[in-house]
Amino acid sequence: MGQKTNGTIIRLNINDSKWQSKYVAKNSEETSLYVYQNVKIKEYIERMLNLYGLQLHNCQLYYSNEKLDIIISYYTSTKSLLLIQKINKSQKLIFVGNDKLKLLKRRKIIKLIKTVLYKKKYPSYNSFKMNNFTEIILEGLNRFTRKKYNIFISFQTLNKSLSLRLKNSQIQLLRKLTLNFRRYNKFPFFKEMINILMIAALKKNSSKILSDYIALSLNKMKKHNNFLRILKQVVSFLINSKLASIKGVKLIIGGRFNGAPRSRHRIIQVGKIPLQTLKANINHSKSISFTPNGTFGIKTWIYEN
């Protein structure tokens, strides 16, 4: 039962759990239309965030008569920062005087004219700003909904001021964690793993961002044993300490580990996971990782307080 049903859906309306979208439907046809719109809008937003290297944490939709409120919380990864730097370097222009333009790299005259015209149209193209990003999303949403709603989007960054929300005791435990696992600093994924696991330990409904991060990591690396071993050690340290607000984490990962000819499943469980207790506050999500050796399926369960 616990592995075949969605642990989040089966517990709705129990323990004050909230729906991710709210609307008022007059009949069954409108209900199916709202459900279809919710699925497609979330897929579109997640796709747009992934293009910039951003990971979606949560997306909430609230419908009214002629209004659609969208609340998006996302995580800025190192991949997104590198993509933004590449965009800035490729399109960066140096102004000399009033009308003269000098390009950092030698390009054709046609490309220079195109960049200048684009520069006039969008003057803040050099720096990554959320205003241009929201304009692109709003244009796509207006075309999809045929301009039936006045759409309002609010973004929440999980990276910003995360350390300010920690108490002094939690900061000391975080320092202790970095000291205990400082031998793993040589691995390129270690710092990103600490940030993701801290968000999963402190924020609610974080199973999606954890499963997506594991899917991205499995896609990048060829050897998976070190990654999963370090992941289990860090999760066990967070749960056993007073730093985390969760009681348990369970992961089921299936695929061809280390490029093996046959696929197998690996289960990582730390703490308590009462899958068949409906009163338990469990957040569940699934994700798929596409690798050169085939696909990996990742299922995550997080038992929250």
C-alpha atoms as a PDB file:
ATOM      1  CA  MET A   1       0.000   0.000   0.000  1.00  0.00           C
ATOM      2  CA  GLY A   2       2.705   2.458   0.941  1.00  0.00           C
ATOM      3  CA  GLN A   3       4.647   2.025  -2.291  1.00  0.00           C
ATOM      4  CA  LYS A   4       1.731   1.806  -4.723  1.00  0.00           C
ATOM      5  CA  THR A   5      -0.270   4.852  -3.627  1.00  0.00           C
ATOM      6  CA  ASN A   6       0.805   8.474  -3.616  1.00  0.00           C
ATOM      7  CA  GLY A   7       1.560   9.317  -0.003  1.00  0.00           C
ATOM      8  CA  THR A   8       0.632  12.980  -0.464  1.00  0.00           C
ATOM      9  CA  ILE A   9      -2.703  12.546  -2.277  1.00  0.00           C
ATOM     10  CA  ILE A  10      -4.048   9.855   0.062  1.00  0.00           C
ATOM     11  CA  ARG A  11      -3.494  12.155   3.075  1.00  0.00           C
ATOM     12  CA  LEU A  12      -5.260  15.257   1.722  1.00  0.00           C
ATOM     13  CA  ASN A  13      -7.776  16.836   4.120  1.00  0.00           C
ATOM     14  CA  ILE A  14      -6.057  14.966   6.974  1.00  0.00           C
ATOM     15  CA  ASN A  15      -3.889  16.825   9.495  1.00  0.00           C
ATOM     16  CA  ASP A  16      -4.703  20.201   7.899  1.00  0.00           C
ATOM     17  CA  SER A  17      -2.968  19.330   4.623  1.00  0.00           C
ATOM     18  CA  LYS A  18      -3.626  21.895   1.882  1.00  0.00           C
ATOM     19  CA  TRP A  19      -4.293  21.512  -1.815  1.00  0.00           C
ATOM     20  CA  GLN A  20      -1.699  22.948  -4.209  1.00  0.00           C
ATOM     21  CA  SER A  21      -4.436  24.629  -6.257  1.00  0.00           C
ATOM     22  CA  LYS A  22      -7.830  26.109  -5.342  1.00  0.00           C
ATOM     23  CA  TYR A  23     -10.741  26.890  -7.644  1.00  0.00           C
ATOM     24  CA  VAL A  24     -14.547  26.908  -7.710  1.00  0.00           C
ATOM     25  CA  ALA A  25     -16.064  24.747 -10.461  1.00  0.00           C
ATOM     26  CA  LYS A  26     -19.731  24.987 -11.408  1.00  0.00           C
ATOM     27  CA  ASN A  27     -19.955  21.553 -13.029  1.00  0.00           C
ATOM     28  CA  SER A  28     -17.874  18.482 -13.836  1.00  0.00           C
ATOM     29  CA  GLU A  29     -16.711  19.892 -17.189  1.00  0.00           C
ATOM     30  CA  GLU A  30     -15.117  22.886 -15.504  1.00  0.00           C
ATOM     31  CA  THR A  31     -13.445  20.579 -12.987  1.00  0.00           C
ATOM     32  CA  SER A  32     -11.729  18.602 -15.738  1.00  0.00           C
ATOM     33  CA  LEU A  33     -10.710  21.861 -17.459  1.00  0.00           C
ATOM     34  CA  TYR A  34      -9.153  23.231 -14.249  1.00  0.00           C
ATOM     35  CA  VAL A  35      -7.269  19.993 -13.640  1.00  0.00           C
ATOM     36  CA  TYR A  36      -5.906  20.014 -17.206  1.00  0.00           C
ATOM     37  CA  GLN A  37      -4.848  23.659 -16.875  1.00  0.00           C
ATOM     38  CA  ASN A  38      -3.097  22.998 -13.567  1.00  0.00           C
ATOM     39  CA  VAL A  39      -1.061  20.123 -14.983  1.00  0.00           C
ATOM     40  CA  LYS A  40      -0.009  22.009 -18.123  1.00  0.00           C
ATOM     41  CA  ILE A  41       0.807  25.267 -16.290  1.00  0.00           C
ATOM     42  CA  LYS A  42       3.013  23.462 -13.772  1.00  0.00           C
ATOM     43  CA  GLU A  43       4.789  21.554 -16.545  1.00  0.00           C
ATOM     44  CA  TYR A  44       5.399  24.817 -18.425  1.00  0.00           C
ATOM     45  CA  ILE A  45       6.754  26.632 -15.361  1.00  0.00           C
ATOM     46  CA  GLU A  46       9.022  23.732 -14.438  1.00  0.00           C
ATOM     47  CA  ARG A  47      10.316  23.547 -18.017  1.00  0.00           C
ATOM     48  CA  MET A  48      11.087  27.291 -18.085  1.00  0.00           C
ATOM     49  CA  LEU A  49      12.914  27.109 -14.767  1.00  0.00           C
ATOM     50  CA  ASN A  50      14.971  24.126 -15.935  1.00  0.00           C
ATOM     51  CA  LEU A  51      16.105  26.060 -19.009  1.00  0.00           C
ATOM     52  CA  TYR A  52      17.845  28.533 -16.680  1.00  0.00           C
ATOM     53  CA  GLY A  53      19.128  25.789 -14.378  1.00  0.00           C
ATOM     54  CA  LEU A  54      16.629  26.609 -11.601  1.00  0.00           C
ATOM     55  CA  GLN A  55      14.947  23.830  -9.616  1.00  0.00           C
ATOM     56  CA  LEU A  56      11.265  24.094  -8.771  1.00  0.00           C
ATOM     57  CA  HIS A  57      10.438  23.571  -5.113  1.00  0.00           C
ATOM     58  CA  ASN A  58       6.723  24.300  -5.019  1.00  0.00           C
ATOM     59  CA  CYS A  59       4.067  25.808  -7.296  1.00  0.00           C
ATOM     60  CA  GLN A  60       0.650  26.897  -6.023  1.00  0.00           C
ATOM     61  CA  LEU A  61      -2.278  28.055  -8.175  1.00  0.00           C
ATOM     62  CA  TYR A  62      -5.291  30.001  -6.870  1.00  0.00           C
ATOM     63  CA  TYR A  63      -8.171  30.778  -9.210  1.00  0.00           C
ATOM     64  CA  SER A  64     -10.884  33.406  -8.755  1.00  0.00           C
ATOM     65  CA  ASN A  65     -13.428  34.902 -11.172  1.00  0.00           C
ATOM     66  CA  GLU A  66     -10.984  36.712 -13.466  1.00  0.00           C
ATOM     67  CA  LYS A  67      -7.748  36.332 -11.532  1.00  0.00           C
ATOM     68  CA  LEU A  68      -5.025  33.689 -11.323  1.00  0.00           C
ATOM     69  CA  ASP A  69      -2.419  33.898  -8.543  1.00  0.00           C
ATOM     70  CA  ILE A  70       0.714  31.774  -8.984  1.00  0.00           C
ATOM     71  CA  ILE A  71       3.237  31.338  -6.166  1.00  0.00           C
ATOM     72  CA  ILE A  72       6.546  29.794  -7.253  1.00  0.00           C
ATOM     73  CA  SER A  73       9.394  28.838  -4.931  1.00  0.00           C
ATOM     74  CA  TYR A  74      12.653  27.788  -6.581  1.00  0.00           C
ATOM     75  CA  TYR A  75      16.272  26.972  -5.815  1.00  0.00           C
ATOM     76  CA  THR A  76      19.222  28.596  -7.591  1.00  0.00           C
ATOM     77  CA  SER A  77      21.873  25.973  -8.283  1.00  0.00           C
ATOM     78  CA  THR A  78      25.474  26.378  -9.405  1.00  0.00           C
ATOM     79  CA  LYS A  79      24.419  25.275 -12.892  1.00  0.00           C
ATOM     80  CA  SER A  80      22.045  28.252 -13.150  1.00  0.00           C
ATOM     81  CA  LEU A  81      24.794  30.685 -12.124  1.00  0.00           C
ATOM     82  CA  LEU A  82      27.115  29.275 -14.796  1.00  0.00           C
ATOM     83  CA  LEU A  83      24.395  29.565 -17.450  1.00  0.00           C
ATOM     84  CA  ILE A  84      23.733  33.187 -16.512  1.00  0.00           C
ATOM     85  CA  GLN A  85      27.455  33.981 -16.695  1.00  0.00           C
ATOM     86  CA  LYS A  86      27.697  32.401 -20.166  1.00  0.00           C
ATOM     87  CA  ILE A  87      24.729  34.447 -21.391  1.00  0.00           C
ATOM     88  CA  ASN A  88      26.247  37.633 -20.002  1.00  0.00           C
ATOM     89  CA  LYS A  89      29.664  36.934 -21.574  1.00  0.00           C
ATOM     90  CA  SER A  90      28.273  36.037 -24.993  1.00  0.00           C
ATOM     91  CA  GLN A  91      26.046  39.135 -25.231  1.00  0.00           C
ATOM     92  CA  LYS A  92      28.138  41.664 -23.297  1.00  0.00           C
ATOM     93  CA  LEU A  93      28.811  44.975 -25.051  1.00  0.00           C
ATOM     94  CA  ILE A  94      31.244  47.761 -24.159  1.00  0.00           C
ATOM     95  CA  PHE A  95      30.029  51.323 -24.813  1.00  0.00           C
ATOM     96  CA  VAL A  96      32.644  53.771 -26.120  1.00  0.00           C
ATOM     97  CA  GLY A  97      31.281  57.290 -26.463  1.00  0.00           C
ATOM     98  CA  ASN A  98      27.681  57.733 -27.529  1.00  0.00           C
ATOM     99  CA  ASP A  99      27.079  55.699 -30.688  1.00  0.00           C
ATOM    100  CA  LYS A 100      30.136  53.466 -30.994  1.00  0.00           C
ATOM    101  CA  LEU A 101      29.916  49.860 -29.869  1.00  0.00           C
ATOM    102  CA  LYS A 102      32.764  47.442 -29.424  1.00  0.00           C
ATOM    103  CA  LEU A 103      32.086  43.704 -29.111  1.00  0.00           C
ATOM    104  CA  LEU A 104      34.174  41.565 -26.785  1.00  0.00           C
ATOM    105  CA  LYS A 105      34.405  38.749 -29.336  1.00  0.00           C
ATOM    106  CA  ARG A 106      34.754  39.120 -33.113  1.00  0.00           C
ATOM    107  CA  ARG A 107      31.463  38.479 -34.818  1.00  0.00           C
ATOM    108  CA  LYS A 108      29.807  39.168 -38.106  1.00  0.00           C
ATOM    109  CA  ILE A 109      28.118  42.492 -38.794  1.00  0.00           C
ATOM    110  CA  ILE A 110      24.704  40.855 -38.962  1.00  0.00           C
ATOM    111  CA  LYS A 111      25.063  39.420 -35.468  1.00  0.00           C
ATOM    112  CA  LEU A 112      26.207  42.822 -34.212  1.00  0.00           C
ATOM    113  CA  ILE A 113      23.129  44.502 -35.646  1.00  0.00           C
ATOM    114  CA  LYS A 114      20.885  41.845 -34.095  1.00  0.00           C
ATOM    115  CA  THR A 115      22.432  42.252 -30.646  1.00  0.00           C
ATOM    116  CA  VAL A 116      22.128  46.046 -30.859  1.00  0.00           C
ATOM    117  CA  LEU A 117      18.471  45.817 -31.840  1.00  0.00           C
ATOM    118  CA  TYR A 118      17.856  43.313 -29.048  1.00  0.00           C
ATOM    119  CA  LYS A 119      19.709  45.606 -26.684  1.00  0.00           C
ATOM    120  CA  LYS A 120      17.405  48.494 -27.531  1.00  0.00           C
ATOM    121  CA  LYS A 121      14.358  46.309 -27.080  1.00  0.00           C
ATOM    122  CA  TYR A 122      15.486  44.800 -23.762  1.00  0.00           C
ATOM    123  CA  PRO A 123      18.035  47.169 -22.162  1.00  0.00           C
ATOM    124  CA  SER A 124      18.648  44.964 -19.096  1.00  0.00           C
ATOM    125  CA  TYR A 125      19.735  41.879 -21.074  1.00  0.00           C
ATOM    126  CA  ASN A 126      23.280  41.806 -19.687  1.00  0.00           C
ATOM    127  CA  SER A 127      22.191  41.060 -16.138  1.00  0.00           C
ATOM    128  CA  PHE A 128      19.755  38.282 -15.269  1.00  0.00           C
ATOM    129  CA  LYS A 129      16.680  39.973 -13.838  1.00  0.00           C
ATOM    130  CA  MET A 130      13.426  38.341 -12.843  1.00  0.00           C
ATOM    131  CA  ASN A 131      11.388  41.020 -14.668  1.00  0.00           C
ATOM    132  CA  ASN A 132      12.296  39.748 -18.142  1.00  0.00           C
ATOM    133  CA  PHE A 133      11.858  36.167 -16.971  1.00  0.00           C
ATOM    134  CA  THR A 134       8.333  36.876 -15.699  1.00  0.00           C
ATOM    135  CA  GLU A 135       7.443  38.615 -18.963  1.00  0.00           C
ATOM    136  CA  ILE A 136       8.362  35.465 -20.910  1.00  0.00           C
ATOM    137  CA  ILE A 137       6.303  33.261 -18.564  1.00  0.00           C
ATOM    138  CA  LEU A 138       3.332  35.643 -18.596  1.00  0.00           C
ATOM    139  CA  GLU A 139       3.290  35.741 -22.383  1.00  0.00           C
ATOM    140  CA  GLY A 140       3.160  31.953 -22.586  1.00  0.00           C
ATOM    141  CA  LEU A 141       0.466  31.699 -19.901  1.00  0.00           C
ATOM    142  CA  ASN A 142      -1.682  34.364 -21.565  1.00  0.00           C
ATOM    143  CA  ARG A 143      -1.554  32.472 -24.845  1.00  0.00           C
ATOM    144  CA  PHE A 144      -2.433  29.199 -23.131  1.00  0.00           C
ATOM    145  CA  THR A 145      -5.369  30.635 -21.139  1.00  0.00           C
ATOM    146  CA  ARG A 146      -6.429  32.874 -24.080  1.00  0.00           C
ATOM    147  CA  LYS A 147      -6.242  35.956 -21.835  1.00  0.00           C
ATOM    148  CA  LYS A 148      -9.154  34.855 -19.645  1.00  0.00           C
ATOM    149  CA  TYR A 149      -7.394  35.699 -16.372  1.00  0.00           C
ATOM    150  CA  ASN A 150      -5.362  38.519 -14.923  1.00  0.00           C
ATOM    151  CA  ILE A 151      -2.250  36.558 -13.957  1.00  0.00           C
ATOM    152  CA  PHE A 152      -0.109  37.560 -10.964  1.00  0.00           C
ATOM    153  CA  ILE A 153       3.157  35.687 -10.282  1.00  0.00           C
ATOM    154  CA  SER A 154       5.205  35.885  -7.091  1.00  0.00           C
ATOM    155  CA  PHE A 155       8.644  34.256  -6.801  1.00  0.00           C
ATOM    156  CA  GLN A 156      10.299  32.978  -3.628  1.00  0.00           C
ATOM    157  CA  THR A 157      14.012  32.189  -3.630  1.00  0.00           C
ATOM    158  CA  LEU A 158      15.072  29.467  -1.209  1.00  0.00           C
ATOM    159  CA  ASN A 159      18.752  30.459  -1.264  1.00  0.00           C
ATOM    160  CA  LYS A 160      18.223  34.018  -0.110  1.00  0.00           C
ATOM    161  CA  SER A 161      18.683  34.701   3.615  1.00  0.00           C
ATOM    162  CA  LEU A 162      18.523  31.021   4.571  1.00  0.00           C
ATOM    163  CA  SER A 163      21.263  31.493   7.171  1.00  0.00           C
ATOM    164  CA  LEU A 164      19.310  34.345   8.791  1.00  0.00           C
ATOM    165  CA  ARG A 165      16.447  31.990   9.641  1.00  0.00           C
ATOM    166  CA  LEU A 166      18.734  29.648  11.581  1.00  0.00           C
ATOM    167  CA  LYS A 167      19.127  29.841  15.335  1.00  0.00           C
ATOM    168  CA  ASN A 168      22.506  29.991  17.041  1.00  0.00           C
ATOM    169  CA  SER A 169      22.306  26.343  18.078  1.00  0.00           C
ATOM    170  CA  GLN A 170      21.451  25.324  14.506  1.00  0.00           C
ATOM    171  CA  ILE A 171      24.372  27.325  13.132  1.00  0.00           C
ATOM    172  CA  GLN A 172      26.729  25.515  15.501  1.00  0.00           C
ATOM    173  CA  LEU A 173      25.353  22.153  14.354  1.00  0.00           C
ATOM    174  CA  LEU A 174      25.821  23.201  10.742  1.00  0.00           C
ATOM    175  CA  ARG A 175      29.458  24.052  11.430  1.00  0.00           C
ATOM    176  CA  LYS A 176      29.884  20.692  13.113  1.00  0.00           C
ATOM    177  CA  LEU A 177      28.424  18.995  10.016  1.00  0.00           C
ATOM    178  CA  THR A 178      30.880  20.734   7.688  1.00  0.00           C
ATOM    179  CA  LEU A 179      33.785  19.796   9.964  1.00  0.00           C
ATOM    180  CA  ASN A 180      32.769  16.146  10.187  1.00  0.00           C
ATOM    181  CA  PHE A 181      32.425  15.799   6.424  1.00  0.00           C
ATOM    182  CA  ARG A 182      35.262  18.101   5.331  1.00  0.00           C
ATOM    183  CA  ARG A 183      37.051  15.118   3.748  1.00  0.00           C
ATOM    184  CA  TYR A 184      34.349  15.105   1.070  1.00  0.00           C
ATOM    185  CA  ASN A 185      35.055  18.678  -0.081  1.00  0.00           C
ATOM    186  CA  LYS A 186      37.052  17.305  -2.998  1.00  0.00           C
ATOM    187  CA  PHE A 187      33.852  16.004  -4.601  1.00  0.00           C
ATOM    188  CA  PRO A 188      32.200  18.655  -6.823  1.00  0.00           C
ATOM    189  CA  PHE A 189      28.678  17.713  -5.718  1.00  0.00           C
ATOM    190  CA  PHE A 190      29.262  18.012  -1.958  1.00  0.00           C
ATOM    191  CA  LYS A 191      28.435  21.720  -1.426  1.00  0.00           C
ATOM    192  CA  GLU A 192      25.319  21.496  -3.563  1.00  0.00           C
ATOM    193  CA  MET A 193      24.238  18.402  -1.617  1.00  0.00           C
ATOM    194  CA  ILE A 194      24.558  20.220   1.725  1.00  0.00           C
ATOM    195  CA  ASN A 195      22.408  23.118   0.466  1.00  0.00           C
ATOM    196  CA  ILE A 196      19.681  20.837  -0.903  1.00  0.00           C
ATOM    197  CA  LEU A 197      19.549  18.661   2.219  1.00  0.00           C
ATOM    198  CA  MET A 198      19.390  21.742   4.446  1.00  0.00           C
ATOM    199  CA  ILE A 199      16.362  22.972   2.491  1.00  0.00           C
ATOM    200  CA  ALA A 200      14.758  19.527   2.663  1.00  0.00           C
ATOM    201  CA  ALA A 201      15.360  19.402   6.414  1.00  0.00           C
ATOM    202  CA  LEU A 202      13.997  22.892   7.184  1.00  0.00           C
ATOM    203  CA  LYS A 203      11.307  23.561   4.550  1.00  0.00           C
ATOM    204  CA  LYS A 204       8.036  21.692   4.205  1.00  0.00           C
ATOM    205  CA  ASN A 205       7.009  19.868   1.017  1.00  0.00           C
ATOM    206  CA  SER A 206      10.633  19.461  -0.076  1.00  0.00           C
ATOM    207  CA  SER A 207      10.523  15.905  -1.408  1.00  0.00           C
ATOM    208  CA  LYS A 208      10.278  17.130  -5.013  1.00  0.00           C
ATOM    209  CA  ILE A 209      13.442  19.224  -4.899  1.00  0.00           C
ATOM    210  CA  LEU A 210      15.329  16.343  -3.263  1.00  0.00           C
ATOM    211  CA  SER A 211      14.248  13.796  -5.879  1.00  0.00           C
ATOM    212  CA  ASP A 212      14.992  16.231  -8.731  1.00  0.00           C
ATOM    213  CA  TYR A 213      18.455  16.900  -7.344  1.00  0.00           C
ATOM    214  CA  ILE A 214      19.215  13.174  -7.138  1.00  0.00           C
ATOM    215  CA  ALA A 215      17.987  12.741 -10.728  1.00  0.00           C
ATOM    216  CA  LEU A 216      20.276  15.534 -11.968  1.00  0.00           C
ATOM    217  CA  SER A 217      23.253  14.165 -10.039  1.00  0.00           C
ATOM    218  CA  LEU A 218      22.789  10.631 -11.392  1.00  0.00           C
ATOM    219  CA  ASN A 219      22.694  12.071 -14.899  1.00  0.00           C
ATOM    220  CA  LYS A 220      26.010  13.930 -14.486  1.00  0.00           C
ATOM    221  CA  MET A 221      28.213  11.287 -12.866  1.00  0.00           C
ATOM    222  CA  LYS A 222      29.274   7.818 -14.024  1.00  0.00           C
ATOM    223  CA  LYS A 223      29.966   6.290 -10.592  1.00  0.00           C
ATOM    224  CA  HIS A 224      27.035   6.492  -8.221  1.00  0.00           C
ATOM    225  CA  ASN A 225      28.216   4.559  -5.151  1.00  0.00           C
ATOM    226  CA  ASN A 226      30.171   7.439  -3.579  1.00  0.00           C
ATOM    227  CA  PHE A 227      27.310   9.873  -4.119  1.00  0.00           C
ATOM    228  CA  LEU A 228      24.686   7.631  -2.498  1.00  0.00           C
ATOM    229  CA  ARG A 229      26.983   6.701   0.394  1.00  0.00           C
ATOM    230  CA  ILE A 230      27.732  10.349   1.230  1.00  0.00           C
ATOM    231  CA  LEU A 231      24.049  11.233   0.819  1.00  0.00           C
ATOM    232  CA  LYS A 232      23.014   8.619   3.368  1.00  0.00           C
ATOM    233  CA  GLN A 233      25.661   9.770   5.877  1.00  0.00           C
ATOM    234  CA  VAL A 234      24.651  13.433   5.662  1.00  0.00           C
ATOM    235  CA  VAL A 235      20.927  12.634   5.942  1.00  0.00           C
ATOM    236  CA  SER A 236      21.507  10.440   9.009  1.00  0.00           C
ATOM    237  CA  PHE A 237      23.561  13.215  10.649  1.00  0.00           C
ATOM    238  CA  LEU A 238      20.828  15.804  10.021  1.00  0.00           C
ATOM    239  CA  ILE A 239      18.023  13.604  11.343  1.00  0.00           C
ATOM    240  CA  ASN A 240      19.897  12.462  14.460  1.00  0.00           C
ATOM    241  CA  SER A 241      20.847  16.043  15.337  1.00  0.00           C
ATOM    242  CA  LYS A 242      18.408  18.780  16.354  1.00  0.00           C
ATOM    243  CA  LEU A 243      19.045  20.704  13.167  1.00  0.00           C
ATOM    244  CA  ALA A 244      16.364  19.047  11.044  1.00  0.00           C
ATOM    245  CA  SER A 245      12.598  19.324  11.480  1.00  0.00           C
ATOM    246  CA  ILE A 246      11.962  15.928   9.860  1.00  0.00           C
ATOM    247  CA  LYS A 247      11.764  12.479  11.426  1.00  0.00           C
ATOM    248  CA  GLY A 248      12.715  10.241   8.529  1.00  0.00           C
ATOM    249  CA  VAL A 249      13.634   9.946   4.856  1.00  0.00           C
ATOM    250  CA  LYS A 250      13.170   6.992   2.516  1.00  0.00           C
ATOM    251  CA  LEU A 251      14.601   6.718  -1.007  1.00  0.00           C
ATOM    252  CA  ILE A 252      14.067   3.977  -3.579  1.00  0.00           C
ATOM    253  CA  ILE A 253      16.318   4.293  -6.621  1.00  0.00           C
ATOM    254  CA  GLY A 254      16.182   1.824  -9.515  1.00  0.00           C
ATOM    255  CA  GLY A 255      18.484   1.666 -12.521  1.00  0.00           C
ATOM    256  CA  ARG A 256      21.866   0.551 -13.868  1.00  0.00           C
ATOM    257  CA  PHE A 257      24.257   1.756 -11.183  1.00  0.00           C
ATOM    258  CA  ASN A 258      27.836   2.414 -12.378  1.00  0.00           C
ATOM    259  CA  GLY A 259      26.857   1.267 -15.881  1.00  0.00           C
ATOM    260  CA  ALA A 260      26.130  -2.325 -14.820  1.00  0.00           C
ATOM    261  CA  PRO A 261      24.532  -4.586 -17.461  1.00  0.00           C
ATOM    262  CA  ARG A 262      21.504  -5.261 -15.232  1.00  0.00           C
ATOM    263  CA  SER A 263      19.371  -2.807 -13.304  1.00  0.00           C
ATOM    264  CA  ARG A 264      18.706  -3.150  -9.600  1.00  0.00           C
ATOM    265  CA  HIS A 265      17.009  -1.285  -6.804  1.00  0.00           C
ATOM    266  CA  ARG A 266      18.663   0.413  -3.885  1.00  0.00           C
ATOM    267  CA  ILE A 267      16.760   1.476  -0.759  1.00  0.00           C
ATOM    268  CA  ILE A 268      18.037   4.208   1.558  1.00  0.00           C
ATOM    269  CA  GLN A 269      16.025   4.689   4.739  1.00  0.00           C
ATOM    270  CA  VAL A 270      16.984   6.873   7.698  1.00  0.00           C
ATOM    271  CA  GLY A 271      14.637   7.402  10.632  1.00  0.00           C
ATOM    272  CA  LYS A 272      10.951   6.488  10.794  1.00  0.00           C
ATOM    273  CA  ILE A 273       8.656   6.314   7.747  1.00  0.00           C
ATOM    274  CA  PRO A 274       5.108   5.188   8.717  1.00  0.00           C
ATOM    275  CA  LEU A 275       3.735   4.792   5.194  1.00  0.00           C
ATOM    276  CA  GLN A 276       0.442   3.174   6.243  1.00  0.00           C
ATOM    277  CA  THR A 277      -0.397   5.640   9.035  1.00  0.00           C
ATOM    278  CA  LEU A 278      -2.732   8.239   7.547  1.00  0.00           C
ATOM    279  CA  LYS A 279      -2.225  10.728  10.367  1.00  0.00           C
ATOM    280  CA  ALA A 280       1.506  10.891   9.664  1.00  0.00           C
ATOM    281  CA  ASN A 281       2.548  13.982   7.709  1.00  0.00           C
ATOM    282  CA  ILE A 282       4.426  12.410   4.773  1.00  0.00           C
ATOM    283  CA  ASN A 283       5.455  14.202   1.608  1.00  0.00           C
ATOM    284  CA  HIS A 284       5.996  11.999  -1.459  1.00  0.00           C
ATOM    285  CA  SER A 285       7.336  12.643  -4.956  1.00  0.00           C
ATOM    286  CA  LYS A 286       8.760  10.835  -7.992  1.00  0.00           C
ATOM    287  CA  SER A 287      11.269  11.811 -10.652  1.00  0.00           C
ATOM    288  CA  ILE A 288      13.093  10.238 -13.588  1.00  0.00           C
ATOM    289  CA  SER A 289      16.755  10.615 -14.522  1.00  0.00           C
ATOM    290  CA  PHE A 290      17.735  10.103 -18.178  1.00  0.00           C
ATOM    291  CA  THR A 291      21.328   8.889 -18.433  1.00  0.00           C
ATOM    292  CA  PRO A 292      23.481   7.312 -21.196  1.00  0.00           C
ATOM    293  CA  ASN A 293      23.033   3.945 -19.402  1.00  0.00           C
ATOM    294  CA  GLY A 294      19.237   4.168 -19.335  1.00  0.00           C
ATOM    295  CA  THR A 295      16.726   5.719 -16.974  1.00  0.00           C
ATOM    296  CA  PHE A 296      16.729   5.871 -13.183  1.00  0.00           C
ATOM    297  CA  GLY A 297      13.523   6.025 -11.183  1.00  0.00           C
ATOM    298  CA  ILE A 298      13.644   7.918  -7.872  1.00  0.00           C
ATOM    299  CA  LYS A 299      10.918   7.786  -5.220  1.00  0.00           C
ATOM    300  CA  THR A 300      11.195   9.879  -2.059  1.00  0.00           C
ATOM    301  CA  TRP A 301       9.238   9.935   1.182  1.00  0.00           C
ATOM    302  CA  ILE A 302       9.890  12.561   3.888  1.00  0.00           C
ATOM    303  CA  TYR A 303       8.260  12.247   7.297  1.00  0.00           C
ATOM    304  CA  GLU A 304       7.729  15.801   8.579  1.00  0.00           C
ATOM    305  CA  ASN A 305       6.875  16.947  12.080  1.00  0.00           C
END
